[in-house]
Amino acid sequence: MPQPTFELAPQYRPREVEAPLYARWVESGLFAPRADGEPYVIVMPPPNITAVLHTGQGLNNVIQDVLIRFERMRGRAALWLPGTDHAGIATQNVVERLVAKEGTTRFDLGREKFIERVWTFVRENGTTILEQLKVIGSSCDWSRTTGSLYYIRYPVEGGPAPFLTVATTRPETLLGDTAVAVSPKDKRHRGFVGKTARLPLTNLAIPIVADDAVDPKFGTGFVKVTPAHDPNDFEIGLRHGLAMPLVMTEDGRMGEPVGQSDGRTVGPRVPQELQGVDRFEARKKIVAMLKAQGLLEKVEPHQHAVRHCYRCGTVVEPRLSDQWFVKMKPLAEPVLAAYRDGRFTIVPERWHATFEHWMENIRDWNISRQLWWGHRIPVFTCTKCQHTWADRKDPKACPK
């Protein structure tokens, strides 16, 4: 039997090993406190938002990390809560020096414009020390954030009540709702299934459906379904044949692709006054609009996990987009057949059921990326007729 061969790099390359490993730790939720167990919490002594990590802070945070990891291994609900000090004087001094290089002062700008400049600086530079803490492996729960849960009334036609109330953390996405869902096991809301709700602000008619994915314990038991901007809603949309309109652009602003049609909506889904507005600013405006129309029932503090880019810290916004996939079912079927014929085995054997389930439910593989740097897919689009084709060489003309 041939022996496997591999080449051991002459030097250890930490960036190639540690960054992907840390990303997997964060993605798995390993640093979040377990649901049971005695609480053990450390609130990070906040470093200045303008600072970079020095050796003293490194040592201090390593000690905290040791304590958190030890208590986590003991089975306690261990939480290490990260944060930074806004460093009022230091931050203002830094921005004032930047403004001075432009030949002006904070007094020339005025308070509001100067504060805008400070926030721009903080967004661009304020996560440096937190990113450095990630590099040294700090097991903080980076996903924790305190936001709000918005309770929004949707008018109902022919239902057991004139309104139903949906609880959501992202009211700005309601413009892309194509259904409201309830759990089929929720006896409270069975009378609503099959009825029609009206979408707040636009008055579009959307169906009320029953789906097992809905948690009847969350919020009111009613869930808004926005297939184009939520992976769970996307799955519900597939099961119920729902339209999937986009209401947000690639750069996080409210809007929709030119010519988009879900087959039911006449005209744009995003009102004119919200077109091009940043998603978080749109959230404020939509909440105010709902309140003015008497459709905002209440707002409650809500602690939940929000996905952030592990490189830049930006809040990740789920959004449907055109991508390239490799069809996996024709590849998986012969592998599964070979396994069942005994042509190879799974080690350890207890994972055979997991392997079979994976092969039986294989999904197409997304191979496209949004990066400019790296391998490119040799697919070309004609700028005149929009014809798309693959080619082994750079084409000089459209084949059509």
Protein backbone atom coordinates (compact mmCIF):
# COMPACT_ATOMS: atom_id res chain seq x y z
CA MET A 1 0.00 0.00 0.00
CA PRO A 2 1.56 3.34 -1.01
CA GLN A 3 2.44 5.59 1.88
CA PRO A 4 1.08 9.14 1.87
CA THR A 5 3.69 11.80 1.34
CA PHE A 6 3.65 15.40 2.42
CA GLU A 7 6.12 18.22 2.68
CA LEU A 8 6.68 19.88 6.04
CA ALA A 9 7.27 23.60 5.69
CA PRO A 10 10.71 24.65 6.92
CA GLN A 11 9.15 27.37 9.04
CA TYR A 12 5.91 27.61 11.00
CA ARG A 13 3.61 30.17 9.35
CA PRO A 14 1.23 31.30 12.11
CA ARG A 15 -1.00 33.44 9.87
CA GLU A 16 -1.82 30.43 7.67
CA VAL A 17 -2.80 28.29 10.65
CA GLU A 18 -4.04 30.50 13.48
CA ALA A 19 -6.36 32.93 11.66
CA PRO A 20 -8.52 30.22 10.01
CA LEU A 21 -8.58 28.22 13.26
CA TYR A 22 -9.68 31.24 15.29
CA ALA A 23 -12.36 32.04 12.72
CA ARG A 24 -13.73 28.50 13.11
CA TRP A 25 -13.79 28.90 16.90
CA VAL A 26 -15.79 32.12 16.61
CA GLU A 27 -18.14 30.74 13.95
CA SER A 28 -18.91 27.63 16.04
CA GLY A 29 -20.11 29.72 18.99
CA LEU A 30 -17.46 28.17 21.22
CA PHE A 31 -16.93 31.43 23.13
CA ALA A 32 -20.61 31.95 23.91
CA PRO A 33 -21.69 30.90 27.43
CA ARG A 34 -23.53 27.60 27.64
CA ALA A 35 -27.23 27.70 28.44
CA ASP A 36 -26.85 25.77 31.69
CA GLY A 37 -24.20 25.94 34.37
CA GLU A 38 -23.26 28.46 37.02
CA PRO A 39 -22.48 31.90 35.52
CA TYR A 40 -18.89 33.11 35.46
CA VAL A 41 -18.41 36.53 33.86
CA ILE A 42 -15.43 38.80 33.24
CA VAL A 43 -16.06 42.26 31.80
CA MET A 44 -12.89 43.25 29.97
CA PRO A 45 -11.18 46.31 31.51
CA PRO A 46 -11.72 48.50 28.45
CA PRO A 47 -8.65 49.62 26.50
CA ASN A 48 -8.74 52.98 24.71
CA ILE A 49 -10.51 52.80 21.37
CA THR A 50 -7.59 54.64 19.72
CA ALA A 51 -4.92 52.41 21.25
CA VAL A 52 -2.83 49.52 19.99
CA LEU A 53 -2.05 46.51 22.15
CA HIS A 54 1.03 46.82 24.36
CA THR A 55 2.75 44.05 26.31
CA GLY A 56 1.07 44.93 29.60
CA GLN A 57 -2.39 44.65 28.08
CA GLY A 58 -1.35 41.45 26.35
CA LEU A 59 -0.32 39.91 29.68
CA ASN A 60 -3.46 41.16 31.44
CA ASN A 61 -5.75 39.70 28.78
CA VAL A 62 -3.89 36.38 28.71
CA ILE A 63 -4.57 36.03 32.44
CA GLN A 64 -8.28 36.76 31.87
CA ASP A 65 -8.32 34.26 29.00
CA VAL A 66 -6.80 31.55 31.21
CA LEU A 67 -9.48 32.11 33.86
CA ILE A 68 -12.32 32.07 31.33
CA ARG A 69 -11.08 28.95 29.55
CA PHE A 70 -10.55 27.14 32.86
CA GLU A 71 -14.07 27.90 34.09
CA ARG A 72 -15.50 27.03 30.66
CA MET A 73 -13.84 23.61 30.87
CA ARG A 74 -15.30 23.17 34.35
CA GLY A 75 -18.76 23.42 32.82
CA ARG A 76 -19.67 26.91 33.99
CA ALA A 77 -21.53 29.41 31.80
CA ALA A 78 -18.36 31.40 31.17
CA LEU A 79 -18.65 34.78 29.46
CA TRP A 80 -15.80 37.14 28.66
CA LEU A 81 -17.42 40.38 27.52
CA PRO A 82 -15.16 42.56 25.34
CA GLY A 83 -15.33 46.32 24.99
CA THR A 84 -13.36 49.53 24.56
CA ASP A 85 -13.21 52.90 26.30
CA HIS A 86 -14.39 55.71 24.02
CA ALA A 87 -11.32 57.69 25.18
CA GLY A 88 -12.97 61.09 24.82
CA ILE A 89 -9.94 63.35 25.18
CA ALA A 90 -7.50 61.11 23.31
CA THR A 91 -9.89 60.48 20.42
CA GLN A 92 -10.81 64.14 20.03
CA ASN A 93 -7.14 65.16 20.06
CA VAL A 94 -6.33 62.66 17.31
CA VAL A 95 -9.18 63.85 15.09
CA GLU A 96 -8.35 67.51 15.75
CA ARG A 97 -4.81 66.88 14.51
CA LEU A 98 -6.19 65.20 11.37
CA VAL A 99 -8.51 68.15 10.75
CA ALA A 100 -5.64 70.60 11.32
CA LYS A 101 -3.69 68.91 8.50
CA GLU A 102 -6.57 69.91 6.22
CA GLY A 103 -6.12 73.55 7.26
CA THR A 104 -9.21 73.83 9.44
CA THR A 105 -10.32 73.41 13.06
CA ARG A 106 -13.20 71.78 14.89
CA PHE A 107 -14.67 75.25 15.45
CA ASP A 108 -14.70 75.84 11.70
CA LEU A 109 -16.53 72.54 11.17
CA GLY A 110 -19.02 73.00 14.00
CA ARG A 111 -20.09 70.39 16.53
CA GLU A 112 -22.26 68.18 14.30
CA LYS A 113 -19.76 67.88 11.43
CA PHE A 114 -16.87 67.38 13.83
CA ILE A 115 -18.73 64.56 15.60
CA GLU A 116 -19.35 62.98 12.20
CA ARG A 117 -15.59 63.07 11.56
CA VAL A 118 -14.94 61.48 14.95
CA TRP A 119 -17.39 58.64 14.20
CA THR A 120 -15.77 58.10 10.82
CA PHE A 121 -12.38 57.85 12.52
CA VAL A 122 -13.72 55.44 15.16
CA ARG A 123 -15.34 53.18 12.54
CA GLU A 124 -12.12 53.06 10.53
CA ASN A 125 -9.65 52.73 13.40
CA GLY A 126 -11.53 51.88 16.56
CA THR A 127 -11.41 48.09 16.22
CA THR A 128 -7.61 47.80 15.93
CA ILE A 129 -6.98 46.74 19.51
CA LEU A 130 -9.93 44.30 19.49
CA GLU A 131 -8.60 42.73 16.28
CA GLN A 132 -5.19 42.39 17.96
CA LEU A 133 -6.85 40.62 20.90
CA LYS A 134 -8.32 38.15 18.41
CA VAL A 135 -4.86 37.55 16.93
CA ILE A 136 -3.53 36.42 20.34
CA GLY A 137 -6.48 34.03 20.68
CA SER A 138 -8.65 35.81 23.27
CA SER A 139 -11.81 33.75 23.78
CA CYS A 140 -14.23 36.68 24.15
CA ASP A 141 -17.84 36.34 23.06
CA TRP A 142 -17.58 38.74 20.12
CA SER A 143 -21.13 38.03 18.95
CA ARG A 144 -22.88 39.66 21.91
CA THR A 145 -24.67 42.88 21.27
CA THR A 146 -27.61 44.62 22.85
CA GLY A 147 -30.25 45.76 20.40
CA SER A 148 -34.00 46.12 20.23
CA LEU A 149 -36.92 43.87 19.43
CA TYR A 150 -39.60 45.71 17.45
CA TYR A 151 -43.22 44.57 17.65
CA ILE A 152 -44.99 45.52 14.40
CA ARG A 153 -48.68 45.17 13.54
CA TYR A 154 -49.67 43.67 10.19
CA PRO A 155 -53.33 44.17 9.16
CA VAL A 156 -55.12 40.86 8.43
CA GLU A 157 -57.95 40.21 6.00
CA GLY A 158 -60.62 37.77 7.13
CA GLY A 159 -58.67 36.53 10.14
CA PRO A 160 -59.72 35.94 13.74
CA ALA A 161 -58.29 39.39 14.59
CA PRO A 162 -57.82 42.58 12.56
CA PHE A 163 -54.07 42.57 13.20
CA LEU A 164 -51.26 40.16 13.94
CA THR A 165 -48.05 41.27 15.65
CA VAL A 166 -44.59 40.29 14.43
CA ALA A 167 -41.44 40.68 16.55
CA THR A 168 -38.23 41.45 14.65
CA THR A 169 -34.75 42.86 15.25
CA ARG A 170 -34.51 44.14 11.65
CA PRO A 171 -37.58 46.24 10.78
CA GLU A 172 -35.82 47.68 7.73
CA THR A 173 -36.15 44.30 5.97
CA LEU A 174 -39.95 44.18 6.24
CA LEU A 175 -40.13 45.80 2.80
CA GLY A 176 -38.91 42.47 1.43
CA ASP A 177 -41.43 40.32 3.32
CA THR A 178 -43.38 37.90 1.13
CA ALA A 179 -45.20 35.99 3.91
CA VAL A 180 -45.86 35.72 7.62
CA ALA A 181 -45.24 32.29 9.14
CA VAL A 182 -46.50 30.51 12.25
CA SER A 183 -45.75 27.11 13.75
CA PRO A 184 -48.35 24.46 12.82
CA LYS A 185 -48.14 23.35 16.46
CA ASP A 186 -49.08 26.79 17.78
CA LYS A 187 -52.76 26.50 18.71
CA ARG A 188 -53.01 30.25 19.36
CA HIS A 189 -52.58 31.18 15.70
CA ARG A 190 -54.11 28.32 13.69
CA GLY A 191 -57.00 30.51 12.63
CA PHE A 192 -54.64 32.85 10.77
CA VAL A 193 -53.14 30.20 8.48
CA GLY A 194 -54.33 30.59 4.91
CA LYS A 195 -55.44 34.18 5.44
CA THR A 196 -53.85 37.30 3.94
CA ALA A 197 -51.83 39.94 5.75
CA ARG A 198 -51.07 43.43 4.51
CA LEU A 199 -47.45 44.59 4.55
CA PRO A 200 -47.01 47.74 6.65
CA LEU A 201 -46.04 50.93 4.77
CA THR A 202 -46.74 49.43 1.31
CA ASN A 203 -50.05 47.60 1.89
CA LEU A 204 -48.93 44.64 -0.28
CA ALA A 205 -50.91 41.43 0.21
CA ILE A 206 -48.84 38.52 1.58
CA PRO A 207 -49.96 35.02 2.66
CA ILE A 208 -49.90 33.62 6.21
CA VAL A 209 -48.35 30.14 6.12
CA ALA A 210 -47.60 27.35 8.60
CA ASP A 211 -44.00 26.13 8.81
CA ASP A 212 -42.19 23.84 11.26
CA ALA A 213 -39.13 26.14 11.31
CA VAL A 214 -41.01 28.77 13.33
CA ASP A 215 -40.26 28.83 17.06
CA PRO A 216 -43.60 29.55 18.78
CA LYS A 217 -41.73 30.77 21.87
CA PHE A 218 -39.95 33.60 20.06
CA GLY A 219 -41.70 36.96 20.20
CA THR A 220 -45.39 36.56 19.49
CA GLY A 221 -45.16 33.31 17.52
CA PHE A 222 -45.62 35.18 14.22
CA VAL A 223 -42.49 35.48 12.07
CA LYS A 224 -41.98 37.80 9.09
CA VAL A 225 -40.53 35.92 6.11
CA THR A 226 -37.94 37.82 4.05
CA PRO A 227 -36.42 35.15 1.77
CA ALA A 228 -33.88 37.44 0.05
CA HIS A 229 -32.35 38.70 3.29
CA ASP A 230 -32.34 35.80 5.77
CA PRO A 231 -31.06 32.23 5.28
CA ASN A 232 -33.80 30.65 7.40
CA ASP A 233 -36.47 32.66 5.60
CA PHE A 234 -34.91 31.57 2.30
CA GLU A 235 -35.56 27.93 3.23
CA ILE A 236 -39.16 28.76 4.19
CA GLY A 237 -39.50 30.58 0.88
CA LEU A 238 -38.37 27.51 -1.06
CA ARG A 239 -40.82 25.26 0.77
CA HIS A 240 -43.78 27.56 0.11
CA GLY A 241 -42.85 28.86 -3.34
CA LEU A 242 -42.54 32.45 -2.17
CA ALA A 243 -41.17 35.36 -4.18
CA MET A 244 -37.71 36.56 -3.12
CA PRO A 245 -37.39 40.29 -3.88
CA LEU A 246 -34.28 42.21 -2.87
CA VAL A 247 -34.76 45.48 -0.98
CA MET A 248 -31.13 46.25 -0.17
CA THR A 249 -28.14 46.95 -2.41
CA GLU A 250 -24.69 45.40 -2.17
CA ASP A 251 -23.36 48.37 -0.19
CA GLY A 252 -26.04 48.14 2.52
CA ARG A 253 -28.43 50.81 1.24
CA MET A 254 -32.15 50.49 0.68
CA GLY A 255 -33.01 49.84 -2.95
CA GLU A 256 -33.70 47.10 -5.46
CA PRO A 257 -32.27 45.92 -8.76
CA VAL A 258 -33.50 47.75 -11.86
CA GLY A 259 -36.41 45.88 -13.41
CA GLN A 260 -36.86 43.53 -10.45
CA SER A 261 -40.26 41.84 -10.38
CA ASP A 262 -41.55 39.16 -8.05
CA GLY A 263 -44.56 38.57 -10.27
CA ARG A 264 -46.97 40.20 -7.82
CA THR A 265 -45.71 43.66 -6.94
CA VAL A 266 -46.56 46.62 -9.16
CA GLY A 267 -43.88 49.27 -8.81
CA PRO A 268 -40.95 49.41 -6.38
CA ARG A 269 -41.12 47.83 -2.94
CA VAL A 270 -38.86 50.46 -1.39
CA PRO A 271 -40.62 53.84 -0.98
CA GLN A 272 -38.96 56.79 -2.69
CA GLU A 273 -38.03 58.47 0.60
CA LEU A 274 -35.99 55.40 1.58
CA GLN A 275 -34.21 54.81 -1.73
CA GLY A 276 -30.43 54.95 -1.24
CA VAL A 277 -30.66 55.35 2.56
CA ASP A 278 -28.14 53.42 4.68
CA ARG A 279 -29.73 50.32 6.26
CA PHE A 280 -29.30 51.50 9.87
CA GLU A 281 -30.56 55.00 9.11
CA ALA A 282 -33.47 53.38 7.25
CA ARG A 283 -34.25 51.37 10.39
CA LYS A 284 -34.79 54.60 12.32
CA LYS A 285 -36.94 56.10 9.57
CA ILE A 286 -39.08 52.98 9.15
CA VAL A 287 -39.66 52.75 12.91
CA ALA A 288 -40.78 56.41 12.89
CA MET A 289 -43.08 55.75 9.90
CA LEU A 290 -44.62 52.72 11.62
CA LYS A 291 -45.15 54.70 14.79
CA ALA A 292 -46.86 57.51 12.87
CA GLN A 293 -49.26 54.99 11.29
CA GLY A 294 -50.03 53.31 14.62
CA LEU A 295 -48.40 50.04 13.52
CA LEU A 296 -45.53 49.99 16.04
CA GLU A 297 -46.86 48.20 19.10
CA LYS A 298 -43.77 48.38 21.32
CA VAL A 299 -39.97 48.20 21.39
CA GLU A 300 -38.10 46.03 23.90
CA PRO A 301 -34.38 45.64 24.71
CA HIS A 302 -33.16 42.37 23.24
CA GLN A 303 -29.83 40.59 23.48
CA HIS A 304 -28.95 38.51 20.46
CA ALA A 305 -26.05 37.38 18.29
CA VAL A 306 -25.21 39.44 15.20
CA ARG A 307 -22.75 38.16 12.63
CA HIS A 308 -19.78 40.46 12.00
CA CYS A 309 -16.99 40.21 9.46
CA TYR A 310 -14.04 38.80 11.41
CA ARG A 311 -11.66 41.02 9.42
CA CYS A 312 -13.26 44.47 9.51
CA GLY A 313 -16.02 44.10 12.13
CA THR A 314 -18.83 45.19 9.76
CA VAL A 315 -22.29 43.75 10.48
CA VAL A 316 -22.96 41.08 7.85
CA GLU A 317 -26.18 41.58 5.88
CA PRO A 318 -27.61 38.39 4.30
CA ARG A 319 -28.56 39.06 0.69
CA LEU A 320 -29.37 36.88 -2.31
CA SER A 321 -27.01 37.29 -5.24
CA ASP A 322 -26.09 35.49 -8.46
CA GLN A 323 -23.26 33.01 -7.90
CA TRP A 324 -21.64 30.07 -9.68
CA PHE A 325 -22.18 26.55 -8.36
CA VAL A 326 -20.87 23.06 -9.07
CA LYS A 327 -23.72 20.53 -9.29
CA MET A 328 -22.87 18.04 -6.54
CA LYS A 329 -25.58 15.36 -6.76
CA PRO A 330 -24.03 13.59 -9.83
CA LEU A 331 -20.72 13.49 -7.91
CA ALA A 332 -22.21 12.34 -4.60
CA GLU A 333 -24.36 9.48 -5.95
CA PRO A 334 -21.46 7.24 -7.13
CA VAL A 335 -19.56 7.93 -3.89
CA LEU A 336 -22.56 6.85 -1.84
CA ALA A 337 -23.03 3.76 -4.01
CA ALA A 338 -19.36 2.82 -3.60
CA TYR A 339 -19.66 3.13 0.17
CA ARG A 340 -22.78 0.95 0.31
CA ASP A 341 -21.07 -1.64 -1.89
CA GLY A 342 -18.27 -1.86 0.67
CA ARG A 343 -15.56 -0.44 -1.60
CA PHE A 344 -14.38 1.83 1.22
CA THR A 345 -15.12 2.32 4.90
CA ILE A 346 -15.60 5.27 7.24
CA VAL A 347 -13.25 5.62 10.22
CA PRO A 348 -14.46 5.77 12.92
CA GLU A 349 -17.43 3.61 11.94
CA ARG A 350 -19.89 5.55 14.12
CA TRP A 351 -19.82 8.38 11.57
CA HIS A 352 -21.34 6.26 8.79
CA ALA A 353 -24.85 7.63 9.37
CA THR A 354 -23.54 11.20 9.26
CA PHE A 355 -21.71 10.45 6.00
CA GLU A 356 -24.77 8.89 4.37
CA HIS A 357 -26.99 11.78 5.46
CA TRP A 358 -24.47 14.24 4.03
CA MET A 359 -24.29 12.43 0.69
CA GLU A 360 -28.07 11.96 0.46
CA ASN A 361 -28.72 15.64 1.17
CA ILE A 362 -25.77 17.11 -0.70
CA ARG A 363 -26.11 20.70 -1.87
CA ASP A 364 -24.53 22.36 -4.84
CA TRP A 365 -21.12 23.88 -4.10
CA ASN A 366 -20.77 27.66 -4.40
CA ILE A 367 -17.39 28.25 -6.04
CA SER A 368 -17.63 31.96 -6.83
CA ARG A 369 -16.18 34.69 -4.62
CA GLN A 370 -16.49 38.46 -4.43
CA LEU A 371 -12.73 39.01 -4.07
CA TRP A 372 -10.64 40.58 -6.79
CA TRP A 373 -7.49 38.83 -5.60
CA GLY A 374 -7.22 35.09 -6.25
CA HIS A 375 -8.33 32.53 -8.80
CA ARG A 376 -10.95 33.69 -11.28
CA ILE A 377 -13.72 31.64 -12.90
CA PRO A 378 -13.28 31.82 -16.71
CA VAL A 379 -16.82 33.04 -17.36
CA PHE A 380 -17.47 36.13 -19.44
CA THR A 381 -20.47 38.44 -19.94
CA CYS A 382 -21.05 40.51 -23.04
CA THR A 383 -21.60 44.15 -22.10
CA LYS A 384 -23.96 44.66 -25.04
CA CYS A 385 -26.32 41.65 -25.00
CA GLN A 386 -25.54 40.26 -21.50
CA HIS A 387 -24.82 36.79 -22.94
CA THR A 388 -22.74 34.73 -20.48
CA TRP A 389 -20.41 31.88 -21.43
CA ALA A 390 -17.33 29.96 -20.26
CA ASP A 391 -14.13 29.96 -22.28
CA ARG A 392 -10.64 28.53 -21.92
CA LYS A 393 -9.10 31.70 -23.36
CA ASP A 394 -9.84 35.40 -23.02
CA PRO A 395 -12.37 35.99 -25.82
CA LYS A 396 -12.04 38.87 -28.24
CA ALA A 397 -15.70 38.94 -29.22
CA CYS A 398 -19.07 37.69 -28.05
CA PRO A 399 -19.91 34.30 -29.67
CA LYS A 400 -23.43 35.58 -30.32
